[in-house]
């Protein structure tokens, strides 16, 4: 996925960061302007019971983003914690220990 168009969040991003989680729900962050292109590219259709959630990206994508097509680990952590799912919470703790804590220590 082109990170300037959309980025993976939630369980997919967590799986790529940790290789610990098998994603059940696909979370994609994109802008309203990029939404139609994304829907066409991945042949997505609206399904209330579906396993894909598309959320509004609320930041400007960086051209030199070290995580490529993934959202920032802090947002992945928040996505996982918000589910309340125990496996996701375990994975969020791994992301915190492997990615977020070093960001905090840099300051």
PDB file of N, CA and C in Angstrom:
ATOM      1  N   UNK A   1       0.851  -1.168   0.000  1.00  0.00           N
ATOM      2  CA  UNK A   1       0.000   0.000   0.000  1.00  0.00           C
ATOM      3  C   UNK A   1       0.899   1.233   0.000  1.00  0.00           C
ATOM      4  N   UNK A   2       0.524   2.226  -0.790  1.00  0.00           N
ATOM      5  CA  UNK A   2       1.273   3.473  -0.857  1.00  0.00           C
ATOM      6  C   UNK A   2       0.978   4.283   0.404  1.00  0.00           C
ATOM      7  N   UNK A   3       1.996   4.558   1.240  1.00  0.00           N
ATOM      8  CA  UNK A   3       1.752   5.266   2.494  1.00  0.00           C
ATOM      9  C   UNK A   3       1.247   6.693   2.312  1.00  0.00           C
ATOM     10  N   UNK A   4       1.406   7.266   1.125  1.00  0.00           N
ATOM     11  CA  UNK A   4       0.856   8.593   0.887  1.00  0.00           C
ATOM     12  C   UNK A   4      -0.648   8.525   0.624  1.00  0.00           C
ATOM     13  N   UNK A   5      -1.140   7.352   0.250  1.00  0.00           N
ATOM     14  CA  UNK A   5      -2.564   7.147  -0.007  1.00  0.00           C
ATOM     15  C   UNK A   5      -3.278   6.634   1.238  1.00  0.00           C
ATOM     16  N   UNK A   6      -2.721   5.619   1.865  1.00  0.00           N
ATOM     17  CA  UNK A   6      -3.341   4.991   3.034  1.00  0.00           C
ATOM     18  C   UNK A   6      -2.277   4.232   3.815  1.00  0.00           C
ATOM     19  N   UNK A   7      -2.602   3.937   5.070  1.00  0.00           N
ATOM     20  CA  UNK A   7      -1.683   3.177   5.917  1.00  0.00           C
ATOM     21  C   UNK A   7      -2.461   2.162   6.742  1.00  0.00           C
ATOM     22  N   UNK A   8      -1.794   1.056   7.022  1.00  0.00           N
ATOM     23  CA  UNK A   8      -2.376   0.014   7.863  1.00  0.00           C
ATOM     24  C   UNK A   8      -2.340   0.450   9.314  1.00  0.00           C
ATOM     25  N   UNK A   9      -3.390   0.150  10.040  1.00  0.00           N
ATOM     26  CA  UNK A   9      -3.446   0.380  11.476  1.00  0.00           C
ATOM     27  C   UNK A   9      -3.911  -0.887  12.164  1.00  0.00           C
ATOM     28  N   UNK A  10      -4.201  -0.789  13.445  1.00  0.00           N
ATOM     29  CA  UNK A  10      -4.789  -1.887  14.205  1.00  0.00           C
ATOM     30  C   UNK A  10      -4.050  -3.198  14.116  1.00  0.00           C
ATOM     31  N   UNK A  11      -4.808  -4.264  13.927  1.00  0.00           N
ATOM     32  CA  UNK A  11      -4.271  -5.622  13.972  1.00  0.00           C
ATOM     33  C   UNK A  11      -3.294  -5.924  12.835  1.00  0.00           C
ATOM     34  N   UNK A  12      -3.546  -5.388  11.651  1.00  0.00           N
ATOM     35  CA  UNK A  12      -2.627  -5.641  10.528  1.00  0.00           C
ATOM     36  C   UNK A  12      -1.269  -5.007  10.819  1.00  0.00           C
ATOM     37  N   UNK A  13      -1.279  -3.756  11.264  1.00  0.00           N
ATOM     38  CA  UNK A  13      -0.021  -3.086  11.601  1.00  0.00           C
ATOM     39  C   UNK A  13       0.680  -3.804  12.752  1.00  0.00           C
ATOM     40  N   UNK A  14      -0.088  -4.243  13.743  1.00  0.00           N
ATOM     41  CA  UNK A  14       0.494  -4.963  14.880  1.00  0.00           C
ATOM     42  C   UNK A  14       1.143  -6.264  14.426  1.00  0.00           C
ATOM     43  N   UNK A  15       0.491  -6.969  13.526  1.00  0.00           N
ATOM     44  CA  UNK A  15       1.051  -8.222  13.013  1.00  0.00           C
ATOM     45  C   UNK A  15       2.372  -7.961  12.287  1.00  0.00           C
ATOM     46  N   UNK A  16       2.425  -6.884  11.513  1.00  0.00           N
ATOM     47  CA  UNK A  16       3.658  -6.566  10.786  1.00  0.00           C
ATOM     48  C   UNK A  16       4.774  -6.115  11.727  1.00  0.00           C
ATOM     49  N   UNK A  17       4.411  -5.412  12.796  1.00  0.00           N
ATOM     50  CA  UNK A  17       5.414  -4.945  13.752  1.00  0.00           C
ATOM     51  C   UNK A  17       5.946  -6.055  14.651  1.00  0.00           C
ATOM     52  N   UNK A  18       5.088  -7.018  14.998  1.00  0.00           N
ATOM     53  CA  UNK A  18       5.466  -8.002  16.017  1.00  0.00           C
ATOM     54  C   UNK A  18       5.562  -9.441  15.536  1.00  0.00           C
ATOM     55  N   UNK A  19       4.915  -9.777  14.428  1.00  0.00           N
ATOM     56  CA  UNK A  19       4.776 -11.161  13.976  1.00  0.00           C
ATOM     57  C   UNK A  19       4.164 -12.043  15.070  1.00  0.00           C
ATOM     58  N   UNK A  20       3.310 -11.438  15.920  1.00  0.00           N
ATOM     59  CA  UNK A  20       2.708 -12.146  17.050  1.00  0.00           C
ATOM     60  C   UNK A  20       1.206 -12.352  16.891  1.00  0.00           C
ATOM     61  N   UNK A  21       0.565 -11.541  16.081  1.00  0.00           N
ATOM     62  CA  UNK A  21      -0.883 -11.529  16.020  1.00  0.00           C
ATOM     63  C   UNK A  21      -1.358 -11.906  14.622  1.00  0.00           C
ATOM     64  N   UNK A  22      -2.389 -12.733  14.552  1.00  0.00           N
ATOM     65  CA  UNK A  22      -3.043 -13.030  13.273  1.00  0.00           C
ATOM     66  C   UNK A  22      -4.255 -12.100  13.172  1.00  0.00           C
ATOM     67  N   UNK A  23      -4.221 -11.132  12.258  1.00  0.00           N
ATOM     68  CA  UNK A  23      -5.289 -10.131  12.200  1.00  0.00           C
ATOM     69  C   UNK A  23      -6.659 -10.730  11.896  1.00  0.00           C
ATOM     70  N   UNK A  24      -7.654 -10.249  12.628  1.00  0.00           N
ATOM     71  CA  UNK A  24      -9.047 -10.623  12.387  1.00  0.00           C
ATOM     72  C   UNK A  24      -9.805  -9.470  11.738  1.00  0.00           C
ATOM     73  N   UNK A  25      -9.387  -8.240  12.079  1.00  0.00           N
ATOM     74  CA  UNK A  25     -10.007  -7.037  11.534  1.00  0.00           C
ATOM     75  C   UNK A  25      -8.932  -6.209  10.840  1.00  0.00           C
ATOM     76  N   UNK A  26      -9.245  -5.732   9.657  1.00  0.00           N
ATOM     77  CA  UNK A  26      -8.317  -4.920   8.869  1.00  0.00           C
ATOM     78  C   UNK A  26      -8.676  -3.454   9.084  1.00  0.00           C
ATOM     79  N   UNK A  27      -7.712  -2.667   9.557  1.00  0.00           N
ATOM     80  CA  UNK A  27      -7.923  -1.242   9.771  1.00  0.00           C
ATOM     81  C   UNK A  27      -7.037  -0.475   8.803  1.00  0.00           C
ATOM     82  N   UNK A  28      -7.657   0.433   8.061  1.00  0.00           N
ATOM     83  CA  UNK A  28      -6.939   1.250   7.091  1.00  0.00           C
ATOM     84  C   UNK A  28      -7.245   2.707   7.392  1.00  0.00           C
ATOM     85  N   UNK A  29      -6.204   3.521   7.466  1.00  0.00           N
ATOM     86  CA  UNK A  29      -6.364   4.961   7.631  1.00  0.00           C
ATOM     87  C   UNK A  29      -6.104   5.634   6.295  1.00  0.00           C
ATOM     88  N   UNK A  30      -7.024   6.499   5.878  1.00  0.00           N
ATOM     89  CA  UNK A  30      -6.874   7.222   4.618  1.00  0.00           C
ATOM     90  C   UNK A  30      -7.630   8.541   4.715  1.00  0.00           C
ATOM     91  N   UNK A  31      -7.537   9.347   3.674  1.00  0.00           N
ATOM     92  CA  UNK A  31      -8.258  10.618   3.624  1.00  0.00           C
ATOM     93  C   UNK A  31      -9.518  10.452   2.787  1.00  0.00           C
ATOM     94  N   UNK A  32     -10.423  11.394   2.933  1.00  0.00           N
ATOM     95  CA  UNK A  32     -11.657  11.366   2.135  1.00  0.00           C
ATOM     96  C   UNK A  32     -11.317  11.438   0.644  1.00  0.00           C
ATOM     97  N   UNK A  33     -10.273  12.190   0.300  1.00  0.00           N
ATOM     98  CA  UNK A  33      -9.879  12.345  -1.099  1.00  0.00           C
ATOM     99  C   UNK A  33      -9.342  11.036  -1.693  1.00  0.00           C
ATOM    100  N   UNK A  34      -8.757  10.198  -0.889  1.00  0.00           N
ATOM    101  CA  UNK A  34      -8.157   8.946  -1.357  1.00  0.00           C
ATOM    102  C   UNK A  34      -9.101   7.753  -1.234  1.00  0.00           C
ATOM    103  N   UNK A  35     -10.232   7.940  -0.587  1.00  0.00           N
ATOM    104  CA  UNK A  35     -11.126   6.823  -0.284  1.00  0.00           C
ATOM    105  C   UNK A  35     -11.608   6.085  -1.529  1.00  0.00           C
ATOM    106  N   UNK A  36     -12.091   6.798  -2.526  1.00  0.00           N
ATOM    107  CA  UNK A  36     -12.598   6.130  -3.735  1.00  0.00           C
ATOM    108  C   UNK A  36     -11.517   5.310  -4.423  1.00  0.00           C
ATOM    109  N   UNK A  37     -10.312   5.851  -4.520  1.00  0.00           N
ATOM    110  CA  UNK A  37      -9.203   5.116  -5.128  1.00  0.00           C
ATOM    111  C   UNK A  37      -8.929   3.824  -4.353  1.00  0.00           C
ATOM    112  N   UNK A  38      -8.951   3.930  -3.040  1.00  0.00           N
ATOM    113  CA  UNK A  38      -8.719   2.771  -2.184  1.00  0.00           C
ATOM    114  C   UNK A  38      -9.811   1.720  -2.363  1.00  0.00           C
ATOM    115  N   UNK A  39     -11.066   2.152  -2.404  1.00  0.00           N
ATOM    116  CA  UNK A  39     -12.180   1.220  -2.587  1.00  0.00           C
ATOM    117  C   UNK A  39     -12.069   0.482  -3.916  1.00  0.00           C
ATOM    118  N   UNK A  40     -11.703   1.208  -4.962  1.00  0.00           N
ATOM    119  CA  UNK A  40     -11.546   0.576  -6.276  1.00  0.00           C
ATOM    120  C   UNK A  40     -10.353  -0.379  -6.305  1.00  0.00           C
ATOM    121  N   UNK A  41      -9.233   0.071  -5.772  1.00  0.00           N
ATOM    122  CA  UNK A  41      -8.012  -0.732  -5.805  1.00  0.00           C
ATOM    123  C   UNK A  41      -8.178  -2.077  -5.097  1.00  0.00           C
ATOM    124  N   UNK A  42      -8.845  -2.052  -3.942  1.00  0.00           N
ATOM    125  CA  UNK A  42      -9.009  -3.282  -3.160  1.00  0.00           C
ATOM    126  C   UNK A  42     -10.387  -3.920  -3.337  1.00  0.00           C
ATOM    127  N   UNK A  43     -11.197  -3.356  -4.221  1.00  0.00           N
ATOM    128  CA  UNK A  43     -12.534  -3.878  -4.522  1.00  0.00           C
ATOM    129  C   UNK A  43     -13.372  -4.049  -3.249  1.00  0.00           C
ATOM    130  N   UNK A  44     -13.402  -2.995  -2.462  1.00  0.00           N
ATOM    131  CA  UNK A  44     -14.141  -3.021  -1.203  1.00  0.00           C
ATOM    132  C   UNK A  44     -15.554  -2.490  -1.402  1.00  0.00           C
ATOM    133  N   UNK A  45     -16.494  -3.094  -0.688  1.00  0.00           N
ATOM    134  CA  UNK A  45     -17.888  -2.648  -0.688  1.00  0.00           C
ATOM    135  C   UNK A  45     -18.352  -2.521   0.749  1.00  0.00           C
ATOM    136  N   UNK A  46     -19.312  -1.656   0.975  1.00  0.00           N
ATOM    137  CA  UNK A  46     -19.828  -1.442   2.316  1.00  0.00           C
ATOM    138  C   UNK A  46     -20.504  -2.710   2.834  1.00  0.00           C
ATOM    139  N   UNK A  47     -20.105  -3.117   4.039  1.00  0.00           N
ATOM    140  CA  UNK A  47     -20.680  -4.287   4.694  1.00  0.00           C
ATOM    141  C   UNK A  47     -20.587  -4.046   6.196  1.00  0.00           C
ATOM    142  N   UNK A  48     -21.717  -3.806   6.819  1.00  0.00           N
ATOM    143  CA  UNK A  48     -21.749  -3.500   8.249  1.00  0.00           C
ATOM    144  C   UNK A  48     -21.123  -4.618   9.077  1.00  0.00           C
ATOM    145  N   UNK A  49     -21.255  -5.851   8.634  1.00  0.00           N
ATOM    146  CA  UNK A  49     -20.707  -7.001   9.357  1.00  0.00           C
ATOM    147  C   UNK A  49     -19.328  -7.395   8.837  1.00  0.00           C
ATOM    148  N   UNK A  50     -18.731  -6.578   7.993  1.00  0.00           N
ATOM    149  CA  UNK A  50     -17.440  -6.903   7.389  1.00  0.00           C
ATOM    150  C   UNK A  50     -16.285  -6.797   8.374  1.00  0.00           C
ATOM    151  N   UNK A  51     -15.122  -7.236   7.930  1.00  0.00           N
ATOM    152  CA  UNK A  51     -13.934  -7.234   8.786  1.00  0.00           C
ATOM    153  C   UNK A  51     -12.909  -6.177   8.367  1.00  0.00           C
ATOM    154  N   UNK A  52     -13.352  -5.165   7.605  1.00  0.00           N
ATOM    155  CA  UNK A  52     -12.482  -4.063   7.195  1.00  0.00           C
ATOM    156  C   UNK A  52     -13.085  -2.767   7.732  1.00  0.00           C
ATOM    157  N   UNK A  53     -12.255  -1.999   8.437  1.00  0.00           N
ATOM    158  CA  UNK A  53     -12.699  -0.676   8.872  1.00  0.00           C
ATOM    159  C   UNK A  53     -11.775   0.359   8.252  1.00  0.00           C
ATOM    160  N   UNK A  54     -12.383   1.394   7.697  1.00  0.00           N
ATOM    161  CA  UNK A  54     -11.627   2.472   7.073  1.00  0.00           C
ATOM    162  C   UNK A  54     -11.861   3.718   7.903  1.00  0.00           C
ATOM    163  N   UNK A  55     -10.770   4.275   8.433  1.00  0.00           N
ATOM    164  CA  UNK A  55     -10.847   5.418   9.321  1.00  0.00           C
ATOM    165  C   UNK A  55     -10.165   6.629   8.692  1.00  0.00           C
ATOM    166  N   UNK A  56     -10.618   7.795   9.099  1.00  0.00           N
ATOM    167  CA  UNK A  56     -10.073   9.037   8.562  1.00  0.00           C
ATOM    168  C   UNK A  56      -8.669   9.285   9.113  1.00  0.00           C
ATOM    169  N   UNK A  57      -7.733   9.498   8.200  1.00  0.00           N
ATOM    170  CA  UNK A  57      -6.367   9.856   8.612  1.00  0.00           C
ATOM    171  C   UNK A  57      -6.392  11.314   9.044  1.00  0.00           C
ATOM    172  N   UNK A  58      -5.892  11.591  10.238  1.00  0.00           N
ATOM    173  CA  UNK A  58      -5.963  12.931  10.810  1.00  0.00           C
ATOM    174  C   UNK A  58      -4.598  13.613  10.870  1.00  0.00           C
ATOM    175  N   UNK A  59      -3.639  13.109  10.097  1.00  0.00           N
ATOM    176  CA  UNK A  59      -2.302  13.691  10.045  1.00  0.00           C
ATOM    177  C   UNK A  59      -1.844  13.733   8.594  1.00  0.00           C
ATOM    178  N   UNK A  60      -0.830  14.533   8.350  1.00  0.00           N
ATOM    179  CA  UNK A  60      -0.220  14.590   7.022  1.00  0.00           C
ATOM    180  C   UNK A  60       0.824  13.476   6.938  1.00  0.00           C
ATOM    181  N   UNK A  61       0.777  12.671   5.899  1.00  0.00           N
ATOM    182  CA  UNK A  61       1.770  11.593   5.782  1.00  0.00           C
ATOM    183  C   UNK A  61       3.164  12.163   5.532  1.00  0.00           C
ATOM    184  N   UNK A  62       4.134  11.584   6.205  1.00  0.00           N
ATOM    185  CA  UNK A  62       5.520  12.004   6.019  1.00  0.00           C
ATOM    186  C   UNK A  62       6.170  11.231   4.890  1.00  0.00           C
ATOM    187  N   UNK A  63       7.040  11.887   4.166  1.00  0.00           N
ATOM    188  CA  UNK A  63       7.716  11.221   3.054  1.00  0.00           C
ATOM    189  C   UNK A  63       8.843  10.318   3.536  1.00  0.00           C
ATOM    190  N   UNK A  64       9.356  10.563   4.720  1.00  0.00           N
ATOM    191  CA  UNK A  64      10.454   9.750   5.250  1.00  0.00           C
ATOM    192  C   UNK A  64      10.018   9.016   6.508  1.00  0.00           C
ATOM    193  N   UNK A  65       8.877   8.428   6.472  1.00  0.00           N
ATOM    194  CA  UNK A  65       8.311   7.700   7.609  1.00  0.00           C
ATOM    195  C   UNK A  65       8.986   6.346   7.740  1.00  0.00           C
ATOM    196  N   UNK A  66       9.554   6.068   8.869  1.00  0.00           N
ATOM    197  CA  UNK A  66      10.331   4.843   9.040  1.00  0.00           C
ATOM    198  C   UNK A  66       9.493   3.574   9.049  1.00  0.00           C
ATOM    199  N   UNK A  67       8.186   3.688   9.261  1.00  0.00           N
ATOM    200  CA  UNK A  67       7.344   2.500   9.301  1.00  0.00           C
ATOM    201  C   UNK A  67       6.618   2.246   7.979  1.00  0.00           C
ATOM    202  N   UNK A  68       6.945   3.008   6.950  1.00  0.00           N
ATOM    203  CA  UNK A  68       6.397   2.773   5.619  1.00  0.00           C
ATOM    204  C   UNK A  68       4.891   2.852   5.565  1.00  0.00           C
ATOM    205  N   UNK A  69       4.261   1.737   5.267  1.00  0.00           N
ATOM    206  CA  UNK A  69       2.803   1.725   5.085  1.00  0.00           C
ATOM    207  C   UNK A  69       2.029   1.475   6.381  1.00  0.00           C
ATOM    208  N   UNK A  70       2.698   1.594   7.528  1.00  0.00           N
ATOM    209  CA  UNK A  70       2.042   1.416   8.830  1.00  0.00           C
ATOM    210  C   UNK A  70       1.875   2.764   9.520  1.00  0.00           C
ATOM    211  N   UNK A  71       0.797   2.904  10.282  1.00  0.00           N
ATOM    212  CA  UNK A  71       0.646   4.099  11.107  1.00  0.00           C
ATOM    213  C   UNK A  71       1.673   4.040  12.241  1.00  0.00           C
ATOM    214  N   UNK A  72       1.813   5.121  12.964  1.00  0.00           N
ATOM    215  CA  UNK A  72       2.763   5.197  14.072  1.00  0.00           C
ATOM    216  C   UNK A  72       2.420   4.148  15.135  1.00  0.00           C
ATOM    217  N   UNK A  73       3.426   3.551  15.772  1.00  0.00           N
ATOM    218  CA  UNK A  73       3.164   2.529  16.796  1.00  0.00           C
ATOM    219  C   UNK A  73       2.247   2.996  17.930  1.00  0.00           C
ATOM    220  N   UNK A  74       2.259   4.267  18.261  1.00  0.00           N
ATOM    221  CA  UNK A  74       1.373   4.751  19.317  1.00  0.00           C
ATOM    222  C   UNK A  74      -0.090   4.608  18.888  1.00  0.00           C
ATOM    223  N   UNK A  75      -0.371   4.859  17.620  1.00  0.00           N
ATOM    224  CA  UNK A  75      -1.738   4.688  17.123  1.00  0.00           C
ATOM    225  C   UNK A  75      -2.104   3.209  17.026  1.00  0.00           C
ATOM    226  N   UNK A  76      -1.164   2.365  16.645  1.00  0.00           N
ATOM    227  CA  UNK A  76      -1.412   0.916  16.625  1.00  0.00           C
ATOM    228  C   UNK A  76      -1.755   0.450  18.043  1.00  0.00           C
ATOM    229  N   UNK A  77      -0.973   0.899  19.003  1.00  0.00           N
ATOM    230  CA  UNK A  77      -1.206   0.571  20.409  1.00  0.00           C
ATOM    231  C   UNK A  77      -2.620   0.978  20.829  1.00  0.00           C
ATOM    232  N   UNK A  78      -3.009   2.211  20.501  1.00  0.00           N
ATOM    233  CA  UNK A  78      -4.338   2.706  20.860  1.00  0.00           C
ATOM    234  C   UNK A  78      -5.440   1.893  20.181  1.00  0.00           C
ATOM    235  N   UNK A  79      -5.245   1.580  18.896  1.00  0.00           N
ATOM    236  CA  UNK A  79      -6.229   0.753  18.177  1.00  0.00           C
ATOM    237  C   UNK A  79      -6.440  -0.577  18.884  1.00  0.00           C
ATOM    238  N   UNK A  80      -5.355  -1.210  19.266  1.00  0.00           N
ATOM    239  CA  UNK A  80      -5.436  -2.527  19.903  1.00  0.00           C
ATOM    240  C   UNK A  80      -6.084  -2.453  21.282  1.00  0.00           C
ATOM    241  N   UNK A  81      -5.679  -1.477  22.083  1.00  0.00           N
ATOM    242  CA  UNK A  81      -6.234  -1.344  23.429  1.00  0.00           C
ATOM    243  C   UNK A  81      -7.736  -1.062  23.384  1.00  0.00           C
ATOM    244  N   UNK A  82      -8.178  -0.316  22.386  1.00  0.00           N
ATOM    245  CA  UNK A  82      -9.592   0.051  22.271  1.00  0.00           C
ATOM    246  C   UNK A  82     -10.495  -1.145  21.991  1.00  0.00           C
ATOM    247  N   UNK A  83      -9.931  -2.236  21.484  1.00  0.00           N
ATOM    248  CA  UNK A  83     -10.763  -3.403  21.179  1.00  0.00           C
ATOM    249  C   UNK A  83     -11.207  -4.143  22.429  1.00  0.00           C
ATOM    250  N   UNK A  84     -10.402  -4.087  23.494  1.00  0.00           N
ATOM    251  CA  UNK A  84     -10.714  -4.839  24.700  1.00  0.00           C
ATOM    252  C   UNK A  84     -10.416  -6.325  24.585  1.00  0.00           C
ATOM    253  N   UNK A  85      -9.945  -6.755  23.420  1.00  0.00           N
ATOM    254  CA  UNK A  85      -9.621  -8.157  23.174  1.00  0.00           C
ATOM    255  C   UNK A  85      -8.294  -8.498  23.857  1.00  0.00           C
ATOM    256  N   UNK A  86      -8.265  -9.575  24.630  1.00  0.00           N
ATOM    257  CA  UNK A  86      -7.081  -9.924  25.420  1.00  0.00           C
ATOM    258  C   UNK A  86      -5.843 -10.148  24.558  1.00  0.00           C
ATOM    259  N   UNK A  87      -5.987 -10.826  23.446  1.00  0.00           N
ATOM    260  CA  UNK A  87      -4.847 -11.072  22.554  1.00  0.00           C
ATOM    261  C   UNK A  87      -4.309  -9.749  21.989  1.00  0.00           C
ATOM    262  N   UNK A  88      -5.212  -8.831  21.643  1.00  0.00           N
ATOM    263  CA  UNK A  88      -4.793  -7.523  21.154  1.00  0.00           C
ATOM    264  C   UNK A  88      -4.084  -6.725  22.247  1.00  0.00           C
ATOM    265  N   UNK A  89      -4.567  -6.840  23.473  1.00  0.00           N
ATOM    266  CA  UNK A  89      -3.929  -6.138  24.589  1.00  0.00           C
ATOM    267  C   UNK A  89      -2.530  -6.686  24.833  1.00  0.00           C
ATOM    268  N   UNK A  90      -2.358  -8.008  24.745  1.00  0.00           N
ATOM    269  CA  UNK A  90      -1.016  -8.606  24.865  1.00  0.00           C
ATOM    270  C   UNK A  90      -0.084  -8.064  23.783  1.00  0.00           C
ATOM    271  N   UNK A  91      -0.603  -7.976  22.566  1.00  0.00           N
ATOM    272  CA  UNK A  91       0.188  -7.480  21.446  1.00  0.00           C
ATOM    273  C   UNK A  91       0.510  -6.000  21.638  1.00  0.00           C
ATOM    274  N   UNK A  92      -0.437  -5.237  22.171  1.00  0.00           N
ATOM    275  CA  UNK A  92      -0.196  -3.815  22.449  1.00  0.00           C
ATOM    276  C   UNK A  92       0.957  -3.646  23.441  1.00  0.00           C
ATOM    277  N   UNK A  93       1.026  -4.511  24.425  1.00  0.00           N
ATOM    278  CA  UNK A  93       2.125  -4.453  25.400  1.00  0.00           C
ATOM    279  C   UNK A  93       3.468  -4.729  24.723  1.00  0.00           C
ATOM    280  N   UNK A  94       3.490  -5.654  23.784  1.00  0.00           N
ATOM    281  CA  UNK A  94       4.720  -5.938  23.035  1.00  0.00           C
ATOM    282  C   UNK A  94       5.133  -4.708  22.230  1.00  0.00           C
ATOM    283  N   UNK A  95       4.173  -4.076  21.577  1.00  0.00           N
ATOM    284  CA  UNK A  95       4.466  -2.871  20.793  1.00  0.00           C
ATOM    285  C   UNK A  95       4.982  -1.769  21.712  1.00  0.00           C
ATOM    286  N   UNK A  96       4.380  -1.635  22.866  1.00  0.00           N
ATOM    287  CA  UNK A  96       4.848  -0.638  23.828  1.00  0.00           C
ATOM    288  C   UNK A  96       6.313  -0.898  24.195  1.00  0.00           C
ATOM    289  N   UNK A  97       6.627  -2.151  24.517  1.00  0.00           N
ATOM    290  CA  UNK A  97       7.983  -2.494  24.945  1.00  0.00           C
ATOM    291  C   UNK A  97       9.002  -2.399  23.814  1.00  0.00           C
ATOM    292  N   UNK A  98       8.605  -2.756  22.588  1.00  0.00           N
ATOM    293  CA  UNK A  98       9.557  -2.790  21.477  1.00  0.00           C
ATOM    294  C   UNK A  98       9.679  -1.471  20.723  1.00  0.00           C
ATOM    295  N   UNK A  99       8.635  -0.637  20.736  1.00  0.00           N
ATOM    296  CA  UNK A  99       8.640   0.557  19.897  1.00  0.00           C
ATOM    297  C   UNK A  99       8.382   1.855  20.645  1.00  0.00           C
ATOM    298  N   UNK A 100       7.434   1.855  21.552  1.00  0.00           N
ATOM    299  CA  UNK A 100       7.023   3.122  22.182  1.00  0.00           C
ATOM    300  C   UNK A 100       7.958   3.535  23.303  1.00  0.00           C
ATOM    301  N   UNK A 101       8.379   2.618  24.126  1.00  0.00           N
ATOM    302  CA  UNK A 101       9.217   2.976  25.279  1.00  0.00           C
ATOM    303  C   UNK A 101      10.500   3.672  24.839  1.00  0.00           C
ATOM    304  N   UNK A 102      11.074   3.255  23.730  1.00  0.00           N
ATOM    305  CA  UNK A 102      12.321   3.905  23.279  1.00  0.00           C
ATOM    306  C   UNK A 102      12.045   5.315  22.777  1.00  0.00           C
ATOM    307  N   UNK A 103      10.845   5.580  22.260  1.00  0.00           N
ATOM    308  CA  UNK A 103      10.479   6.941  21.853  1.00  0.00           C
ATOM    309  C   UNK A 103      10.388   7.848  23.084  1.00  0.00           C
ATOM    310  N   UNK A 104       9.858   7.316  24.161  1.00  0.00           N
ATOM    311  CA  UNK A 104       9.744   8.071  25.399  1.00  0.00           C
ATOM    312  C   UNK A 104      11.137   8.344  25.980  1.00  0.00           C
ATOM    313  N   UNK A 105      11.999   7.360  25.907  1.00  0.00           N
ATOM    314  CA  UNK A 105      13.353   7.505  26.463  1.00  0.00           C
ATOM    315  C   UNK A 105      14.216   8.458  25.640  1.00  0.00           C
ATOM    316  N   UNK A 106      13.867   8.667  24.358  1.00  0.00           N
ATOM    317  CA  UNK A 106      14.649   9.582  23.523  1.00  0.00           C
ATOM    318  C   UNK A 106      14.553  11.010  24.014  1.00  0.00           C
ATOM    319  N   UNK A 107      13.449  11.357  24.671  1.00  0.00           N
ATOM    320  CA  UNK A 107      13.264  12.723  25.181  1.00  0.00           C
ATOM    321  C   UNK A 107      13.975  12.844  26.465  1.00  0.00           C
TER     322      UNK A 107
END
